[in-house]
Amino acid sequence: NNLKQIGLALHKYHQDFGCFPPPYVAGDEGQSLYSWRVLILPFLEQEALYRKYRFDEPWDGPNNRKLGDLALEVFNCPSDHKRPSPMTSYVAVVGPTTAWPGSQATALSDIADGTSLTLLVVEVADSGIHWMEPRDLHVVQMAPTINPQAGQGISSRHPGGAQTSLADGSVRYLSEEMSEEKLRALLTIAGGEPLGPNDF
């Protein structure tokens, strides 16, 4: 349900701005200021919180730090957090060829592989990432499996797999048995891999 709400919020953002939000917003000196999760707050019925946020300072700046203890249930998988936490369970997979390349935004029209075959948001257990923080899962650094025993990657406390949100807004459960080849195909927006809806 949380991933469904996040997916819908991303699509509402796209409807208003003609693209998905960038993975992070950079300051004048190139430093990462805040995450895409901050940008979709108004589309998650968090307009009041959005108005408290200072966009002229980093996510951990003097004003925004006051919001740091806020735990939004929509960013918490109930299986990951026994109580609401400011650490998010849901991240983007960022990097070249993904739906979140660098600091630029992606539009639906950029997703040549098909929105039902492209990952947009994934679950990461114990991510250690604050929901405001401009940090996600990098495609080059992540393990190419679901629930990897070592290293960072798509993971959850659900048995046998992890929940993900696709670029069409649907939510799909990815099995630990998924091959590295198929997972990498789901992460590209224009890779042209031979992947169909029955492959996962």
Protein backbone atom coordinates (compact mmCIF):
# COMPACT_ATOMS: atom_id res chain seq x y z
CA ASN A 1 0.00 0.00 0.00
CA ASN A 2 2.86 2.41 0.81
CA LEU A 3 4.56 1.73 -2.52
CA LYS A 4 1.25 2.19 -4.30
CA GLN A 5 0.82 5.60 -2.66
CA ILE A 6 4.39 6.58 -3.57
CA GLY A 7 3.86 5.45 -7.16
CA LEU A 8 0.65 7.46 -7.45
CA ALA A 9 2.38 10.52 -5.95
CA LEU A 10 5.17 10.22 -8.52
CA HIS A 11 2.61 10.09 -11.32
CA LYS A 12 0.75 13.10 -9.95
CA TYR A 13 4.06 14.97 -9.86
CA HIS A 14 4.64 13.93 -13.48
CA GLN A 15 1.17 15.13 -14.41
CA ASP A 16 1.91 18.58 -12.96
CA PHE A 17 5.50 19.00 -14.13
CA GLY A 18 5.79 16.80 -17.21
CA CYS A 19 8.42 14.54 -15.67
CA PHE A 20 9.21 12.58 -12.55
CA PRO A 21 11.17 14.44 -9.87
CA PRO A 22 14.97 14.30 -10.09
CA PRO A 23 16.56 11.92 -7.58
CA TYR A 24 17.98 14.93 -5.77
CA VAL A 25 18.12 18.69 -6.09
CA ALA A 26 21.60 20.23 -6.29
CA GLY A 27 22.66 23.58 -4.87
CA ASP A 28 24.58 26.33 -6.66
CA GLU A 29 27.88 24.67 -5.79
CA GLY A 30 26.74 21.24 -6.94
CA GLN A 31 26.08 19.79 -3.50
CA SER A 32 23.04 17.54 -3.07
CA LEU A 33 20.41 19.38 -1.02
CA TYR A 34 17.40 17.10 -0.64
CA SER A 35 15.67 14.02 -1.99
CA TRP A 36 12.86 13.34 -4.42
CA ARG A 37 10.90 12.13 -1.38
CA VAL A 38 10.69 15.75 -0.20
CA LEU A 39 9.42 16.90 -3.60
CA ILE A 40 6.45 14.50 -3.59
CA LEU A 41 5.19 15.46 -0.12
CA PRO A 42 2.27 17.56 -1.49
CA PHE A 43 1.10 14.51 -3.45
CA LEU A 44 1.16 12.37 -0.29
CA GLU A 45 -1.24 14.67 1.60
CA GLN A 46 1.72 16.28 3.37
CA GLU A 47 1.29 19.86 2.13
CA ALA A 48 1.68 21.33 5.62
CA LEU A 49 5.01 19.56 6.12
CA TYR A 50 6.15 20.62 2.64
CA ARG A 51 5.51 24.26 3.55
CA LYS A 52 7.71 23.94 6.65
CA TYR A 53 10.62 22.72 4.57
CA ARG A 54 13.33 25.25 3.65
CA PHE A 55 14.45 24.65 0.06
CA ASP A 56 17.31 27.15 0.32
CA GLU A 57 19.27 24.92 2.69
CA PRO A 58 20.35 21.24 2.77
CA TRP A 59 18.14 18.53 4.22
CA ASP A 60 20.20 18.61 7.42
CA GLY A 61 20.47 22.41 7.59
CA PRO A 62 19.50 24.39 10.72
CA ASN A 63 15.78 24.66 9.88
CA ASN A 64 15.27 21.34 8.16
CA ARG A 65 17.10 19.53 10.95
CA LYS A 66 14.09 20.39 13.15
CA LEU A 67 11.99 18.13 10.92
CA GLY A 68 14.51 15.32 11.20
CA ASP A 69 12.68 13.31 13.84
CA LEU A 70 9.45 13.18 11.84
CA ALA A 71 8.59 9.65 10.81
CA LEU A 72 6.24 9.32 7.84
CA GLU A 73 4.51 5.96 7.78
CA VAL A 74 4.27 6.04 3.98
CA PHE A 75 8.07 5.73 3.83
CA ASN A 76 8.16 2.85 6.33
CA CYS A 77 7.53 -0.78 5.46
CA PRO A 78 5.69 -2.26 8.49
CA SER A 79 7.88 -5.37 8.25
CA ASP A 80 11.04 -3.25 8.33
CA HIS A 81 10.10 -0.89 11.17
CA LYS A 82 8.29 -2.05 14.26
CA ARG A 83 7.50 1.61 14.98
CA PRO A 84 7.53 4.67 12.69
CA SER A 85 11.06 5.72 11.81
CA PRO A 86 12.54 8.70 9.93
CA MET A 87 14.63 6.17 7.98
CA THR A 88 12.99 5.22 4.69
CA SER A 89 12.33 1.68 3.50
CA TYR A 90 11.82 2.87 -0.07
CA VAL A 91 14.51 4.20 -2.37
CA ALA A 92 15.19 4.81 -6.04
CA VAL A 93 17.84 2.91 -7.96
CA VAL A 94 19.95 5.72 -9.40
CA GLY A 95 22.68 5.89 -12.01
CA PRO A 96 23.25 5.68 -15.76
CA THR A 97 20.52 3.94 -17.83
CA THR A 98 18.06 3.91 -14.88
CA ALA A 99 14.88 5.94 -14.41
CA TRP A 100 16.87 8.20 -12.05
CA PRO A 101 20.04 9.24 -13.95
CA GLY A 102 22.14 11.79 -12.10
CA SER A 103 20.41 14.99 -11.05
CA GLN A 104 18.21 15.21 -14.14
CA ALA A 105 14.56 14.20 -14.31
CA THR A 106 13.05 11.45 -16.46
CA ALA A 107 9.74 11.60 -18.32
CA LEU A 108 7.48 8.69 -19.17
CA SER A 109 8.36 9.24 -22.82
CA ASP A 110 12.01 8.44 -21.98
CA ILE A 111 11.13 4.91 -20.83
CA ALA A 112 11.50 3.06 -24.12
CA ASP A 113 11.53 -0.38 -22.48
CA GLY A 114 7.95 0.13 -21.27
CA THR A 115 6.67 1.48 -17.97
CA SER A 116 5.42 -1.95 -16.86
CA LEU A 117 8.94 -3.35 -17.30
CA THR A 118 10.94 -0.63 -15.56
CA LEU A 119 11.59 -0.30 -11.83
CA LEU A 120 10.95 3.11 -10.28
CA VAL A 121 11.10 2.57 -6.50
CA VAL A 122 12.37 -0.43 -4.56
CA GLU A 123 12.37 -1.69 -1.02
CA VAL A 124 15.60 -1.74 1.02
CA ALA A 125 15.55 -3.15 4.54
CA ASP A 126 17.51 -1.17 7.12
CA SER A 127 18.49 1.37 4.46
CA GLY A 128 19.97 3.82 6.97
CA ILE A 129 18.71 6.61 4.70
CA HIS A 130 16.67 9.45 6.16
CA TRP A 131 13.59 10.18 4.07
CA MET A 132 14.81 13.76 3.42
CA GLU A 133 18.38 12.70 2.60
CA PRO A 134 19.49 12.93 -1.05
CA ARG A 135 20.80 9.37 -1.10
CA ASP A 136 19.48 6.24 -2.76
CA LEU A 137 20.70 2.89 -4.10
CA HIS A 138 23.27 3.25 -6.88
CA VAL A 139 23.01 0.75 -9.72
CA VAL A 140 26.78 0.33 -9.95
CA GLN A 141 27.25 -0.33 -6.23
CA MET A 142 24.23 -2.53 -5.55
CA ALA A 143 24.22 -6.32 -5.51
CA PRO A 144 22.44 -7.65 -8.64
CA THR A 145 20.16 -9.97 -6.65
CA ILE A 146 17.10 -9.71 -4.42
CA ASN A 147 17.79 -9.99 -0.68
CA PRO A 148 21.58 -10.31 -1.14
CA GLN A 149 23.35 -11.95 1.77
CA ALA A 150 26.27 -9.55 1.49
CA GLY A 151 26.28 -5.99 0.25
CA GLN A 152 23.56 -3.47 -0.39
CA GLY A 153 20.69 -4.14 -2.73
CA ILE A 154 16.95 -4.55 -3.13
CA SER A 155 15.88 -6.28 0.06
CA SER A 156 13.13 -6.72 2.60
CA ARG A 157 12.04 -8.65 5.66
CA HIS A 158 9.38 -10.41 3.60
CA PRO A 159 10.10 -14.10 3.02
CA GLY A 160 11.46 -14.92 -0.39
CA GLY A 161 11.59 -11.51 -2.06
CA ALA A 162 10.96 -7.78 -1.94
CA GLN A 163 8.30 -5.30 -3.02
CA THR A 164 8.92 -2.83 -5.84
CA SER A 165 7.03 -0.15 -7.73
CA LEU A 166 7.17 -0.02 -11.51
CA ALA A 167 7.06 3.09 -13.67
CA ASP A 168 3.41 2.44 -14.58
CA GLY A 169 2.47 2.79 -10.90
CA SER A 170 1.91 -0.91 -10.29
CA VAL A 171 3.51 -2.80 -7.40
CA ARG A 172 5.29 -6.09 -8.03
CA TYR A 173 6.89 -8.59 -5.67
CA LEU A 174 10.28 -9.70 -6.97
CA SER A 175 11.40 -13.17 -5.97
CA GLU A 176 14.85 -14.00 -4.64
CA GLU A 177 14.99 -16.49 -7.51
CA MET A 178 15.04 -13.73 -10.14
CA SER A 179 18.14 -13.92 -12.30
CA GLU A 180 20.73 -11.17 -12.39
CA GLU A 181 20.01 -10.71 -16.11
CA LYS A 182 16.30 -10.09 -15.58
CA LEU A 183 16.87 -7.76 -12.64
CA ARG A 184 19.30 -5.66 -14.63
CA ALA A 185 16.79 -5.54 -17.48
CA LEU A 186 14.15 -4.12 -15.13
CA LEU A 187 16.54 -1.39 -14.03
CA THR A 188 17.16 0.08 -17.49
CA ILE A 189 14.79 2.48 -19.23
CA ALA A 190 15.99 1.91 -22.79
CA GLY A 191 18.10 -1.23 -22.76
CA GLY A 192 15.97 -3.12 -25.27
CA GLU A 193 16.30 -6.36 -23.32
CA PRO A 194 13.94 -9.23 -24.26
CA LEU A 195 11.81 -9.06 -21.12
CA GLY A 196 8.08 -9.63 -20.79
CA PRO A 197 5.52 -9.32 -17.96
CA ASN A 198 5.61 -13.09 -17.43
CA ASP A 199 9.36 -13.03 -16.76
CA PHE A 200 8.95 -11.82 -13.19
